[in-house]
Full PDB file with SEQRES, HELIX, SHEET, SSBOND, CRYST1, ORIGX, SCALE, CONECT and MASTER records, all heavy atoms in Angstrom:
SEQRES   1 A   45  LEU LYS GLY ASN GLU VAL LYS ALA ILE ARG ASN LEU LYS          
SEQRES   2 A   45  LEU VAL GLY SER THR ASP GLU PHE GLY ARG PRO VAL LEU          
SEQRES   3 A   45  LEU LEU ASN ASN LYS ARG TRP ASP ALA PRO VAL THR GLU          
SEQRES   4 A   45  LYS PRO TYR LEU GLY SER                                      
SHEET    1 AA1 2 LEU A  14  THR A  18  0                                        
SHEET    2 AA1 2 PRO A  24  LEU A  28 -1                                        
CRYST1    1.000    1.000    1.000  90.00  90.00  90.00 P 1           1          
ORIGX1      1.000000  0.000000  0.000000        0.00000                         
ORIGX2      0.000000  1.000000  0.000000        0.00000                         
ORIGX3      0.000000  0.000000  1.000000        0.00000                         
SCALE1      1.000000  0.000000  0.000000        0.00000                         
SCALE2      0.000000  1.000000  0.000000        0.00000                         
SCALE3      0.000000  0.000000  1.000000        0.00000                         
ATOM      1  N   LEU A   1       0.811  -1.217   0.000  1.00  0.00           N  
ATOM      2  CA  LEU A   1       0.000   0.000   0.000  1.00  0.00           C  
ATOM      3  C   LEU A   1       0.845   1.268   0.000  1.00  0.00           C  
ATOM      4  O   LEU A   1       0.309   2.374  -0.071  1.00  0.00           O  
ATOM      5  CB  LEU A   1      -0.926   0.010   1.222  1.00  0.00           C  
ATOM      6  CG  LEU A   1      -1.984  -1.100   1.312  1.00  0.00           C  
ATOM      7  CD1 LEU A   1      -2.782  -0.961   2.609  1.00  0.00           C  
ATOM      8  CD2 LEU A   1      -2.920  -1.063   0.109  1.00  0.00           C  
ATOM      9  N   LYS A   2       2.166   1.115   0.072  1.00  0.00           N  
ATOM     10  CA  LYS A   2       3.036   2.294   0.179  1.00  0.00           C  
ATOM     11  C   LYS A   2       2.947   3.196  -1.042  1.00  0.00           C  
ATOM     12  O   LYS A   2       3.241   4.388  -0.965  1.00  0.00           O  
ATOM     13  CB  LYS A   2       4.489   1.856   0.397  1.00  0.00           C  
ATOM     14  CG  LYS A   2       4.746   1.233   1.758  1.00  0.00           C  
ATOM     15  CD  LYS A   2       6.206   0.824   1.879  1.00  0.00           C  
ATOM     16  CE  LYS A   2       6.488   0.136   3.198  1.00  0.00           C  
ATOM     17  NZ  LYS A   2       7.904  -0.305   3.308  1.00  0.00           N  
ATOM     18  N   GLY A   3       2.560   2.646  -2.189  1.00  0.00           N  
ATOM     19  CA  GLY A   3       2.454   3.458  -3.404  1.00  0.00           C  
ATOM     20  C   GLY A   3       1.173   4.251  -3.489  1.00  0.00           C  
ATOM     21  O   GLY A   3       1.025   5.107  -4.376  1.00  0.00           O  
ATOM     22  N   ASN A   4       0.222   3.981  -2.585  1.00  0.00           N  
ATOM     23  CA  ASN A   4      -1.048   4.701  -2.609  1.00  0.00           C  
ATOM     24  C   ASN A   4      -0.873   6.148  -2.139  1.00  0.00           C  
ATOM     25  O   ASN A   4       0.014   6.453  -1.334  1.00  0.00           O  
ATOM     26  CB  ASN A   4      -2.082   4.021  -1.695  1.00  0.00           C  
ATOM     27  CG  ASN A   4      -2.547   2.683  -2.230  1.00  0.00           C  
ATOM     28  OD1 ASN A   4      -1.978   2.134  -3.166  1.00  0.00           O  
ATOM     29  ND2 ASN A   4      -3.596   2.151  -1.621  1.00  0.00           N  
ATOM     30  N   GLU A   5      -1.722   7.028  -2.649  1.00  0.00           N  
ATOM     31  CA  GLU A   5      -1.759   8.386  -2.128  1.00  0.00           C  
ATOM     32  C   GLU A   5      -2.344   8.362  -0.718  1.00  0.00           C  
ATOM     33  O   GLU A   5      -3.436   7.835  -0.500  1.00  0.00           O  
ATOM     34  CB  GLU A   5      -2.633   9.274  -3.015  1.00  0.00           C  
ATOM     35  CG  GLU A   5      -2.719  10.710  -2.524  1.00  0.00           C  
ATOM     36  CD  GLU A   5      -3.703  11.547  -3.324  1.00  0.00           C  
ATOM     37  OE1 GLU A   5      -4.297  11.007  -4.284  1.00  0.00           O  
ATOM     38  OE2 GLU A   5      -3.901  12.727  -2.963  1.00  0.00           O  
ATOM     39  N   VAL A   6      -1.612   8.891   0.246  1.00  0.00           N  
ATOM     40  CA  VAL A   6      -2.056   8.892   1.635  1.00  0.00           C  
ATOM     41  C   VAL A   6      -2.877  10.143   1.895  1.00  0.00           C  
ATOM     42  O   VAL A   6      -2.382  11.265   1.788  1.00  0.00           O  
ATOM     43  CB  VAL A   6      -0.847   8.805   2.594  1.00  0.00           C  
ATOM     44  CG1 VAL A   6      -1.308   8.937   4.041  1.00  0.00           C  
ATOM     45  CG2 VAL A   6      -0.104   7.490   2.389  1.00  0.00           C  
ATOM     46  N   LYS A   7      -4.151   9.941   2.236  1.00  0.00           N  
ATOM     47  CA  LYS A   7      -5.072  11.063   2.409  1.00  0.00           C  
ATOM     48  C   LYS A   7      -4.986  11.682   3.808  1.00  0.00           C  
ATOM     49  O   LYS A   7      -5.344  12.842   4.001  1.00  0.00           O  
ATOM     50  CB  LYS A   7      -6.512  10.593   2.161  1.00  0.00           C  
ATOM     51  CG  LYS A   7      -6.788  10.214   0.717  1.00  0.00           C  
ATOM     52  CD  LYS A   7      -6.806  11.440  -0.186  1.00  0.00           C  
ATOM     53  CE  LYS A   7      -7.280  11.099  -1.581  1.00  0.00           C  
ATOM     54  NZ  LYS A   7      -7.294  12.294  -2.476  1.00  0.00           N  
ATOM     55  N   ALA A   8      -4.560  10.883   4.794  1.00  0.00           N  
ATOM     56  CA  ALA A   8      -4.484  11.413   6.161  1.00  0.00           C  
ATOM     57  C   ALA A   8      -3.474  10.611   6.960  1.00  0.00           C  
ATOM     58  O   ALA A   8      -3.266   9.417   6.707  1.00  0.00           O  
ATOM     59  CB  ALA A   8      -5.850  11.354   6.844  1.00  0.00           C  
ATOM     60  N   ILE A   9      -2.834  11.277   7.890  1.00  0.00           N  
ATOM     61  CA  ILE A   9      -1.971  10.618   8.874  1.00  0.00           C  
ATOM     62  C   ILE A   9      -2.569  10.914  10.248  1.00  0.00           C  
ATOM     63  O   ILE A   9      -2.721  12.090  10.630  1.00  0.00           O  
ATOM     64  CB  ILE A   9      -0.519  11.120   8.801  1.00  0.00           C  
ATOM     65  CG1 ILE A   9       0.095  10.779   7.430  1.00  0.00           C  
ATOM     66  CG2 ILE A   9       0.314  10.506   9.930  1.00  0.00           C  
ATOM     67  CD1 ILE A   9       1.481  11.364   7.221  1.00  0.00           C  
ATOM     68  N   ARG A  10      -2.949   9.890  10.963  1.00  0.00           N  
ATOM     69  CA  ARG A  10      -3.589  10.069  12.268  1.00  0.00           C  
ATOM     70  C   ARG A  10      -2.635   9.631  13.371  1.00  0.00           C  
ATOM     71  O   ARG A  10      -2.132   8.501  13.352  1.00  0.00           O  
ATOM     72  CB  ARG A  10      -4.885   9.259  12.335  1.00  0.00           C  
ATOM     73  CG  ARG A  10      -5.904   9.663  11.278  1.00  0.00           C  
ATOM     74  CD  ARG A  10      -7.224   8.938  11.465  1.00  0.00           C  
ATOM     75  NE  ARG A  10      -8.103   9.167  10.320  1.00  0.00           N  
ATOM     76  CZ  ARG A  10      -8.967  10.182  10.219  1.00  0.00           C  
ATOM     77  NH1 ARG A  10      -9.068  11.054  11.217  1.00  0.00           N  
ATOM     78  NH2 ARG A  10      -9.733  10.317   9.150  1.00  0.00           N  
ATOM     79  N   ASN A  11      -2.388  10.510  14.309  1.00  0.00           N  
ATOM     80  CA  ASN A  11      -1.561  10.199  15.477  1.00  0.00           C  
ATOM     81  C   ASN A  11      -2.497   9.873  16.638  1.00  0.00           C  
ATOM     82  O   ASN A  11      -3.223  10.734  17.131  1.00  0.00           O  
ATOM     83  CB  ASN A  11      -0.656  11.387  15.811  1.00  0.00           C  
ATOM     84  CG  ASN A  11       0.318  11.680  14.683  1.00  0.00           C  
ATOM     85  OD1 ASN A  11       1.030  10.789  14.234  1.00  0.00           O  
ATOM     86  ND2 ASN A  11       0.340  12.915  14.210  1.00  0.00           N  
ATOM     87  N   LEU A  12      -2.477   8.628  17.049  1.00  0.00           N  
ATOM     88  CA  LEU A  12      -3.456   8.113  18.001  1.00  0.00           C  
ATOM     89  C   LEU A  12      -2.733   7.534  19.215  1.00  0.00           C  
ATOM     90  O   LEU A  12      -1.889   6.643  19.068  1.00  0.00           O  
ATOM     91  CB  LEU A  12      -4.308   7.036  17.318  1.00  0.00           C  
ATOM     92  CG  LEU A  12      -5.021   7.517  16.044  1.00  0.00           C  
ATOM     93  CD1 LEU A  12      -5.481   6.340  15.202  1.00  0.00           C  
ATOM     94  CD2 LEU A  12      -6.197   8.418  16.407  1.00  0.00           C  
ATOM     95  N   LYS A  13      -3.065   8.025  20.385  1.00  0.00           N  
ATOM     96  CA  LYS A  13      -2.374   7.596  21.601  1.00  0.00           C  
ATOM     97  C   LYS A  13      -3.143   6.497  22.317  1.00  0.00           C  
ATOM     98  O   LYS A  13      -4.371   6.534  22.397  1.00  0.00           O  
ATOM     99  CB  LYS A  13      -2.195   8.781  22.557  1.00  0.00           C  
ATOM    100  CG  LYS A  13      -1.253   9.856  22.047  1.00  0.00           C  
ATOM    101  CD  LYS A  13      -1.186  11.022  23.020  1.00  0.00           C  
ATOM    102  CE  LYS A  13      -0.325  12.147  22.460  1.00  0.00           C  
ATOM    103  NZ  LYS A  13      -0.331  13.333  23.354  1.00  0.00           N  
ATOM    104  N   LEU A  14      -2.410   5.532  22.844  1.00  0.00           N  
ATOM    105  CA  LEU A  14      -2.953   4.496  23.719  1.00  0.00           C  
ATOM    106  C   LEU A  14      -2.572   4.905  25.133  1.00  0.00           C  
ATOM    107  O   LEU A  14      -1.394   4.926  25.483  1.00  0.00           O  
ATOM    108  CB  LEU A  14      -2.375   3.124  23.365  1.00  0.00           C  
ATOM    109  CG  LEU A  14      -2.268   2.770  21.872  1.00  0.00           C  
ATOM    110  CD1 LEU A  14      -1.720   1.364  21.695  1.00  0.00           C  
ATOM    111  CD2 LEU A  14      -3.602   2.929  21.168  1.00  0.00           C  
ATOM    112  N   VAL A  15      -3.579   5.262  25.945  1.00  0.00           N  
ATOM    113  CA  VAL A  15      -3.294   5.911  27.227  1.00  0.00           C  
ATOM    114  C   VAL A  15      -4.030   5.230  28.371  1.00  0.00           C  
ATOM    115  O   VAL A  15      -4.986   4.484  28.170  1.00  0.00           O  
ATOM    116  CB  VAL A  15      -3.668   7.412  27.188  1.00  0.00           C  
ATOM    117  CG1 VAL A  15      -2.992   8.114  26.036  1.00  0.00           C  
ATOM    118  CG2 VAL A  15      -5.178   7.601  27.090  1.00  0.00           C  
ATOM    119  N   GLY A  16      -3.584   5.533  29.589  1.00  0.00           N  
ATOM    120  CA  GLY A  16      -4.229   5.038  30.793  1.00  0.00           C  
ATOM    121  C   GLY A  16      -4.790   6.192  31.611  1.00  0.00           C  
ATOM    122  O   GLY A  16      -4.250   7.300  31.604  1.00  0.00           O  
ATOM    123  N   SER A  17      -5.871   5.901  32.320  1.00  0.00           N  
ATOM    124  CA  SER A  17      -6.496   6.898  33.187  1.00  0.00           C  
ATOM    125  C   SER A  17      -7.091   6.148  34.374  1.00  0.00           C  
ATOM    126  O   SER A  17      -6.851   4.953  34.547  1.00  0.00           O  
ATOM    127  CB  SER A  17      -7.578   7.658  32.402  1.00  0.00           C  
ATOM    128  OG  SER A  17      -8.183   8.646  33.197  1.00  0.00           O  
ATOM    129  N   THR A  18      -7.853   6.840  35.202  1.00  0.00           N  
ATOM    130  CA  THR A  18      -8.572   6.194  36.308  1.00  0.00           C  
ATOM    131  C   THR A  18      -9.985   6.746  36.371  1.00  0.00           C  
ATOM    132  O   THR A  18     -10.248   7.865  35.925  1.00  0.00           O  
ATOM    133  CB  THR A  18      -7.872   6.417  37.668  1.00  0.00           C  
ATOM    134  OG1 THR A  18      -7.722   7.823  37.879  1.00  0.00           O  
ATOM    135  CG2 THR A  18      -6.514   5.736  37.715  1.00  0.00           C  
ATOM    136  N   ASP A  19     -10.892   5.939  36.939  1.00  0.00           N  
ATOM    137  CA  ASP A  19     -12.269   6.394  37.076  1.00  0.00           C  
ATOM    138  C   ASP A  19     -12.516   6.919  38.496  1.00  0.00           C  
ATOM    139  O   ASP A  19     -11.590   7.030  39.310  1.00  0.00           O  
ATOM    140  CB  ASP A  19     -13.251   5.291  36.689  1.00  0.00           C  
ATOM    141  CG  ASP A  19     -13.245   4.102  37.640  1.00  0.00           C  
ATOM    142  OD1 ASP A  19     -12.582   4.172  38.702  1.00  0.00           O  
ATOM    143  OD2 ASP A  19     -13.902   3.094  37.336  1.00  0.00           O  
ATOM    144  N   GLU A  20     -13.780   7.201  38.803  1.00  0.00           N  
ATOM    145  CA  GLU A  20     -14.107   7.795  40.108  1.00  0.00           C  
ATOM    146  C   GLU A  20     -13.872   6.847  41.265  1.00  0.00           C  
ATOM    147  O   GLU A  20     -13.823   7.257  42.425  1.00  0.00           O  
ATOM    148  CB  GLU A  20     -15.568   8.269  40.119  1.00  0.00           C  
ATOM    149  CG  GLU A  20     -16.612   7.179  40.039  1.00  0.00           C  
ATOM    150  CD  GLU A  20     -17.001   6.818  38.619  1.00  0.00           C  
ATOM    151  OE1 GLU A  20     -16.153   6.951  37.708  1.00  0.00           O  
ATOM    152  OE2 GLU A  20     -18.160   6.398  38.412  1.00  0.00           O  
ATOM    153  N   PHE A  21     -13.710   5.537  40.950  1.00  0.00           N  
ATOM    154  CA  PHE A  21     -13.427   4.550  41.999  1.00  0.00           C  
ATOM    155  C   PHE A  21     -11.935   4.248  42.116  1.00  0.00           C  
ATOM    156  O   PHE A  21     -11.536   3.385  42.897  1.00  0.00           O  
ATOM    157  CB  PHE A  21     -14.182   3.256  41.707  1.00  0.00           C  
ATOM    158  CG  PHE A  21     -15.671   3.419  41.590  1.00  0.00           C  
ATOM    159  CD1 PHE A  21     -16.294   3.346  40.353  1.00  0.00           C  
ATOM    160  CD2 PHE A  21     -16.445   3.674  42.712  1.00  0.00           C  
ATOM    161  CE1 PHE A  21     -17.669   3.502  40.234  1.00  0.00           C  
ATOM    162  CE2 PHE A  21     -17.817   3.830  42.605  1.00  0.00           C  
ATOM    163  CZ  PHE A  21     -18.429   3.749  41.357  1.00  0.00           C  
ATOM    164  N   GLY A  22     -11.119   4.919  41.296  1.00  0.00           N  
ATOM    165  CA  GLY A  22      -9.686   4.651  41.297  1.00  0.00           C  
ATOM    166  C   GLY A  22      -9.286   3.468  40.444  1.00  0.00           C  
ATOM    167  O   GLY A  22      -8.134   3.029  40.476  1.00  0.00           O  
ATOM    168  N   ARG A  23     -10.225   2.926  39.649  1.00  0.00           N  
ATOM    169  CA  ARG A  23      -9.914   1.789  38.789  1.00  0.00           C  
ATOM    170  C   ARG A  23      -9.213   2.241  37.516  1.00  0.00           C  
ATOM    171  O   ARG A  23      -9.508   3.325  36.993  1.00  0.00           O  
ATOM    172  CB  ARG A  23     -11.191   1.041  38.398  1.00  0.00           C  
ATOM    173  CG  ARG A  23     -11.931   0.428  39.545  1.00  0.00           C  
ATOM    174  CD  ARG A  23     -13.192  -0.293  39.070  1.00  0.00           C  
ATOM    175  NE  ARG A  23     -14.158   0.591  38.450  1.00  0.00           N  
ATOM    176  CZ  ARG A  23     -15.376   0.219  38.062  1.00  0.00           C  
ATOM    177  NH1 ARG A  23     -15.748  -1.047  38.217  1.00  0.00           N  
ATOM    178  NH2 ARG A  23     -16.214   1.083  37.516  1.00  0.00           N  
ATOM    179  N   PRO A  24      -8.294   1.428  36.982  1.00  0.00           N  
ATOM    180  CA  PRO A  24      -7.677   1.792  35.700  1.00  0.00           C  
ATOM    181  C   PRO A  24      -8.719   1.839  34.587  1.00  0.00           C  
ATOM    182  O   PRO A  24      -9.616   1.001  34.520  1.00  0.00           O  
ATOM    183  CB  PRO A  24      -6.671   0.659  35.454  1.00  0.00           C  
ATOM    184  CG  PRO A  24      -6.495  -0.026  36.766  1.00  0.00           C  
ATOM    185  CD  PRO A  24      -7.769   0.164  37.523  1.00  0.00           C  
ATOM    186  N   VAL A  25      -8.597   2.839  33.727  1.00  0.00           N  
ATOM    187  CA  VAL A  25      -9.403   2.929  32.507  1.00  0.00           C  
ATOM    188  C   VAL A  25      -8.429   3.120  31.354  1.00  0.00           C  
ATOM    189  O   VAL A  25      -7.662   4.095  31.349  1.00  0.00           O  
ATOM    190  CB  VAL A  25     -10.392   4.114  32.551  1.00  0.00           C  
ATOM    191  CG1 VAL A  25     -11.270   4.113  31.304  1.00  0.00           C  
ATOM    192  CG2 VAL A  25     -11.240   4.078  33.804  1.00  0.00           C  
ATOM    193  N   LEU A  26      -8.419   2.182  30.404  1.00  0.00           N  
ATOM    194  CA  LEU A  26      -7.543   2.300  29.243  1.00  0.00           C  
ATOM    195  C   LEU A  26      -8.323   2.951  28.116  1.00  0.00           C  
ATOM    196  O   LEU A  26      -9.484   2.610  27.871  1.00  0.00           O  
ATOM    197  CB  LEU A  26      -7.024   0.925  28.816  1.00  0.00           C  
ATOM    198  CG  LEU A  26      -5.895   0.287  29.653  1.00  0.00           C  
ATOM    199  CD1 LEU A  26      -4.706   1.212  29.763  1.00  0.00           C  
ATOM    200  CD2 LEU A  26      -6.375  -0.140  31.023  1.00  0.00           C  
ATOM    201  N   LEU A  27      -7.687   3.894  27.420  1.00  0.00           N  
ATOM    202  CA  LEU A  27      -8.391   4.708  26.429  1.00  0.00           C  
ATOM    203  C   LEU A  27      -7.617   4.803  25.119  1.00  0.00           C  
ATOM    204  O   LEU A  27      -6.384   4.686  25.095  1.00  0.00           O  
ATOM    205  CB  LEU A  27      -8.618   6.123  26.973  1.00  0.00           C  
ATOM    206  CG  LEU A  27      -9.448   6.268  28.248  1.00  0.00           C  
ATOM    207  CD1 LEU A  27      -9.389   7.705  28.756  1.00  0.00           C  
ATOM    208  CD2 LEU A  27     -10.889   5.833  28.011  1.00  0.00           C  
ATOM    209  N   LEU A  28      -8.354   5.031  24.054  1.00  0.00           N  
ATOM    210  CA  LEU A  28      -7.772   5.330  22.748  1.00  0.00           C  
ATOM    211  C   LEU A  28      -7.872   6.830  22.524  1.00  0.00           C  
ATOM    212  O   LEU A  28      -8.973   7.395  22.528  1.00  0.00           O  
ATOM    213  CB  LEU A  28      -8.527   4.579  21.643  1.00  0.00           C  
ATOM    214  CG  LEU A  28      -8.474   3.052  21.739  1.00  0.00           C  
ATOM    215  CD1 LEU A  28      -9.419   2.412  20.732  1.00  0.00           C  
ATOM    216  CD2 LEU A  28      -7.059   2.535  21.548  1.00  0.00           C  
ATOM    217  N   ASN A  29      -6.703   7.455  22.375  1.00  0.00           N  
ATOM    218  CA  ASN A  29      -6.618   8.902  22.145  1.00  0.00           C  
ATOM    219  C   ASN A  29      -7.335   9.701  23.229  1.00  0.00           C  
ATOM    220  O   ASN A  29      -7.908  10.758  22.976  1.00  0.00           O  
ATOM    221  CB  ASN A  29      -7.165   9.265  20.757  1.00  0.00           C  
ATOM    222  CG  ASN A  29      -6.228  10.204  20.029  1.00  0.00           C  
ATOM    223  OD1 ASN A  29      -5.018  10.219  20.276  1.00  0.00           O  
ATOM    224  ND2 ASN A  29      -6.775  11.003  19.131  1.00  0.00           N  
ATOM    225  N   ASN A  30      -7.323   9.145  24.435  1.00  0.00           N  
ATOM    226  CA  ASN A  30      -7.882   9.801  25.618  1.00  0.00           C  
ATOM    227  C   ASN A  30      -9.382  10.076  25.506  1.00  0.00           C  
ATOM    228  O   ASN A  30      -9.905  11.010  26.113  1.00  0.00           O  
ATOM    229  CB  ASN A  30      -7.139  11.109  25.916  1.00  0.00           C  
ATOM    230  CG  ASN A  30      -6.941  11.306  27.413  1.00  0.00           C  
ATOM    231  OD1 ASN A  30      -6.890  10.344  28.178  1.00  0.00           O  
ATOM    232  ND2 ASN A  30      -6.837  12.551  27.835  1.00  0.00           N  
ATOM    233  N   LYS A  31     -10.074   9.239  24.726  1.00  0.00           N  
ATOM    234  CA  LYS A  31     -11.511   9.415  24.548  1.00  0.00           C  
ATOM    235  C   LYS A  31     -12.248   8.138  24.918  1.00  0.00           C  
ATOM    236  O   LYS A  31     -11.789   7.039  24.619  1.00  0.00           O  
ATOM    237  CB  LYS A  31     -11.838   9.797  23.108  1.00  0.00           C  
ATOM    238  CG  LYS A  31     -11.365  11.186  22.708  1.00  0.00           C  
ATOM    239  CD  LYS A  31     -11.755  11.496  21.282  1.00  0.00           C  
ATOM    240  CE  LYS A  31     -11.436  12.954  20.939  1.00  0.00           C  
ATOM    241  NZ  LYS A  31     -10.006  13.237  21.006  1.00  0.00           N  
ATOM    242  N   ARG A  32     -13.395   8.328  25.572  1.00  0.00           N  
ATOM    243  CA  ARG A  32     -14.241   7.184  25.891  1.00  0.00           C  
ATOM    244  C   ARG A  32     -15.111   6.827  24.692  1.00  0.00           C  
ATOM    245  O   ARG A  32     -15.200   7.568  23.719  1.00  0.00           O  
ATOM    246  CB  ARG A  32     -15.091   7.491  27.125  1.00  0.00           C  
ATOM    247  CG  ARG A  32     -14.271   7.580  28.408  1.00  0.00           C  
ATOM    248  CD  ARG A  32     -15.154   7.459  29.620  1.00  0.00           C  
ATOM    249  NE  ARG A  32     -14.390   7.494  30.854  1.00  0.00           N  
ATOM    250  CZ  ARG A  32     -14.494   6.583  31.819  1.00  0.00           C  
ATOM    251  NH1 ARG A  32     -15.307   5.554  31.670  1.00  0.00           N  
ATOM    252  NH2 ARG A  32     -13.811   6.694  32.925  1.00  0.00           N  
ATOM    253  N   TRP A  33     -15.783   5.673  24.821  1.00  0.00           N  
ATOM    254  CA  TRP A  33     -16.611   5.157  23.734  1.00  0.00           C  
ATOM    255  C   TRP A  33     -17.639   6.174  23.261  1.00  0.00           C  
ATOM    256  O   TRP A  33     -17.847   6.349  22.055  1.00  0.00           O  
ATOM    257  CB  TRP A  33     -17.305   3.871  24.189  1.00  0.00           C  
ATOM    258  CG  TRP A  33     -18.440   3.455  23.289  1.00  0.00           C  
ATOM    259  CD1 TRP A  33     -19.770   3.665  23.482  1.00  0.00           C  
ATOM    260  CD2 TRP A  33     -18.316   2.776  22.039  1.00  0.00           C  
ATOM    261  NE1 TRP A  33     -20.489   3.152  22.431  1.00  0.00           N  
ATOM    262  CE2 TRP A  33     -19.630   2.603  21.535  1.00  0.00           C  
ATOM    263  CE3 TRP A  33     -17.241   2.293  21.297  1.00  0.00           C  
ATOM    264  CZ2 TRP A  33     -19.888   1.957  20.322  1.00  0.00           C  
ATOM    265  CZ3 TRP A  33     -17.490   1.651  20.084  1.00  0.00           C  
ATOM    266  CH2 TRP A  33     -18.797   1.490  19.606  1.00  0.00           C  
ATOM    267  N   ASP A  34     -18.296   6.854  24.185  1.00  0.00           N  
ATOM    268  CA  ASP A  34     -19.437   7.688  23.819  1.00  0.00           C  
ATOM    269  C   ASP A  34     -19.061   9.108  23.399  1.00  0.00           C  
ATOM    270  O   ASP A  34     -19.939   9.933  23.135  1.00  0.00           O  
ATOM    271  CB  ASP A  34     -20.466   7.738  24.954  1.00  0.00           C  
ATOM    272  CG  ASP A  34     -19.864   8.201  26.282  1.00  0.00           C  
ATOM    273  OD1 ASP A  34     -18.673   8.555  26.297  1.00  0.00           O  
ATOM    274  OD2 ASP A  34     -20.585   8.187  27.300  1.00  0.00           O  
ATOM    275  N   ALA A  35     -17.759   9.420  23.300  1.00  0.00           N  
ATOM    276  CA  ALA A  35     -17.344  10.715  22.760  1.00  0.00           C  
ATOM    277  C   ALA A  35     -17.660  10.753  21.259  1.00  0.00           C  
ATOM    278  O   ALA A  35     -17.752   9.711  20.602  1.00  0.00           O  
ATOM    279  CB  ALA A  35     -15.855  10.934  22.993  1.00  0.00           C  
ATOM    280  N   PRO A  36     -17.851  11.931  20.694  1.00  0.00           N  
ATOM    281  CA  PRO A  36     -18.154  12.019  19.254  1.00  0.00           C  
ATOM    282  C   PRO A  36     -17.098  11.313  18.408  1.00  0.00           C  
ATOM    283  O   PRO A  36     -15.909  11.267  18.769  1.00  0.00           O  
ATOM    284  CB  PRO A  36     -18.156  13.530  18.989  1.00  0.00           C  
ATOM    285  CG  PRO A  36     -18.487  14.143  20.311  1.00  0.00           C  
ATOM    286  CD  PRO A  36     -17.866  13.252  21.341  1.00  0.00           C  
ATOM    287  N   VAL A  37     -17.535  10.768  17.275  1.00  0.00           N  
ATOM    288  CA  VAL A  37     -16.623  10.060  16.372  1.00  0.00           C  
ATOM    289  C   VAL A  37     -15.595  11.041  15.828  1.00  0.00           C  
ATOM    290  O   VAL A  37     -15.943  12.140  15.365  1.00  0.00           O  
ATOM    291  CB  VAL A  37     -17.408   9.415  15.206  1.00  0.00           C  
ATOM    292  CG1 VAL A  37     -16.447   8.751  14.229  1.00  0.00           C  
ATOM    293  CG2 VAL A  37     -18.410   8.402  15.750  1.00  0.00           C  
ATOM    294  N   THR A  38     -14.326  10.674  15.892  1.00  0.00           N  
ATOM    295  CA  THR A  38     -13.243  11.544  15.425  1.00  0.00           C  
ATOM    296  C   THR A  38     -12.497  10.971  14.224  1.00  0.00           C  
ATOM    297  O   THR A  38     -11.824  11.719  13.514  1.00  0.00           O  
ATOM    298  CB  THR A  38     -12.241  11.804  16.562  1.00  0.00           C  
ATOM    299  OG1 THR A  38     -11.911  10.555  17.195  1.00  0.00           O  
ATOM    300  CG2 THR A  38     -12.834  12.735  17.612  1.00  0.00           C  
ATOM    301  N   GLU A  39     -12.596   9.662  13.993  1.00  0.00           N  
ATOM    302  CA  GLU A  39     -11.926   9.040  12.844  1.00  0.00           C  
ATOM    303  C   GLU A  39     -12.980   8.771  11.778  1.00  0.00           C  
ATOM    304  O   GLU A  39     -13.859   7.917  11.961  1.00  0.00           O  
ATOM    305  CB  GLU A  39     -11.213   7.744  13.242  1.00  0.00           C  
ATOM    306  CG  GLU A  39      -9.942   7.953  14.041  1.00  0.00           C  
ATOM    307  CD  GLU A  39     -10.170   8.506  15.436  1.00  0.00           C  
ATOM    308  OE1 GLU A  39     -10.934   7.886  16.193  1.00  0.00           O  
ATOM    309  OE2 GLU A  39      -9.617   9.573  15.765  1.00  0.00           O  
ATOM    310  N   LYS A  40     -12.893   9.515  10.657  1.00  0.00           N  
ATOM    311  CA  LYS A  40     -13.897   9.423   9.589  1.00  0.00           C  
ATOM    312  C   LYS A  40     -13.217   9.324   8.226  1.00  0.00           C  
ATOM    313  O   LYS A  40     -13.305  10.232   7.400  1.00  0.00           O  
ATOM    314  CB  LYS A  40     -14.828  10.634   9.623  1.00  0.00           C  
ATOM    315  CG  LYS A  40     -15.623  10.792  10.913  1.00  0.00           C  
ATOM    316  CD  LYS A  40     -16.539  12.008  10.842  1.00  0.00           C  
ATOM    317  CE  LYS A  40     -17.350  12.170  12.114  1.00  0.00           C  
ATOM    318  NZ  LYS A  40     -18.286  13.311  12.042  1.00  0.00           N  
ATOM    319  N   PRO A  41     -12.512   8.219   7.959  1.00  0.00           N  
ATOM    320  CA  PRO A  41     -11.868   8.073   6.642  1.00  0.00           C  
ATOM    321  C   PRO A  41     -12.901   7.955   5.526  1.00  0.00           C  
ATOM    322  O   PRO A  41     -14.026   7.499   5.742  1.00  0.00           O  
ATOM    323  CB  PRO A  41     -11.075   6.775   6.805  1.00  0.00           C  
ATOM    324  CG  PRO A  41     -11.780   6.017   7.874  1.00  0.00           C  
ATOM    325  CD  PRO A  41     -12.306   7.043   8.818  1.00  0.00           C  
ATOM    326  N   TYR A  42     -12.505   8.367   4.328  1.00  0.00           N  
ATOM    327  CA  TYR A  42     -13.374   8.250   3.169  1.00  0.00           C  
ATOM    328  C   TYR A  42     -13.238   6.859   2.543  1.00  0.00           C  
ATOM    329  O   TYR A  42     -12.159   6.256   2.554  1.00  0.00           O  
ATOM    330  CB  TYR A  42     -13.043   9.317   2.132  1.00  0.00           C  
ATOM    331  CG  TYR A  42     -13.600  10.679   2.493  1.00  0.00           C  
ATOM    332  CD1 TYR A  42     -12.749  11.719   2.864  1.00  0.00           C  
ATOM    333  CD2 TYR A  42     -14.970  10.922   2.451  1.00  0.00           C  
ATOM    334  CE1 TYR A  42     -13.267  12.966   3.203  1.00  0.00           C  
ATOM    335  CE2 TYR A  42     -15.488  12.164   2.784  1.00  0.00           C  
ATOM    336  CZ  TYR A  42     -14.633  13.178   3.164  1.00  0.00           C  
ATOM    337  OH  TYR A  42     -15.143  14.411   3.504  1.00  0.00           O  
ATOM    338  N   LEU A  43     -14.341   6.386   2.003  1.00  0.00           N  
ATOM    339  CA  LEU A  43     -14.360   5.094   1.334  1.00  0.00           C  
ATOM    340  C   LEU A  43     -13.334   5.086   0.190  1.00  0.00           C  
ATOM    341  O   LEU A  43     -13.319   5.983  -0.658  1.00  0.00           O  
ATOM    342  CB  LEU A  43     -15.758   4.828   0.778  1.00  0.00           C  
ATOM    343  CG  LEU A  43     -15.974   3.500   0.054  1.00  0.00           C  
ATOM    344  CD1 LEU A  43     -15.779   2.322   0.997  1.00  0.00           C  
ATOM    345  CD2 LEU A  43     -17.366   3.457  -0.578  1.00  0.00           C  
ATOM    346  N   GLY A  44     -12.464   4.068   0.203  1.00  0.00           N  
ATOM    347  CA  GLY A  44     -11.446   3.930  -0.834  1.00  0.00           C  
ATOM    348  C   GLY A  44     -10.166   4.694  -0.562  1.00  0.00           C  
ATOM    349  O   GLY A  44      -9.196   4.576  -1.322  1.00  0.00           O  
ATOM    350  N   SER A  45     -10.126   5.487   0.516  1.00  0.00           N  
ATOM    351  CA  SER A  45      -8.929   6.273   0.817  1.00  0.00           C  
ATOM    352  C   SER A  45      -7.914   5.453   1.597  1.00  0.00           C  
ATOM    353  O   SER A  45      -8.248   4.465   2.246  1.00  0.00           O  
ATOM    354  CB  SER A  45      -9.295   7.527   1.615  1.00  0.00           C  
ATOM    355  OG  SER A  45      -9.733   7.172   2.924  1.00  0.00           O  
TER     356      SER A  45                                                      
MASTER        0    0    0    0    2    0    0    6  355    1    0    4          
END                                                                             
């Protein structure tokens, strides 16, 4: 796929946090499931 035109480069962090009970919460890009969608690639891109 290296020869394809790259439409976007996304820098995405794998991070740790804690909840109100002190339990570990692992997150993608510091966002929970119910946060608005942030990754919206185009079909075929």
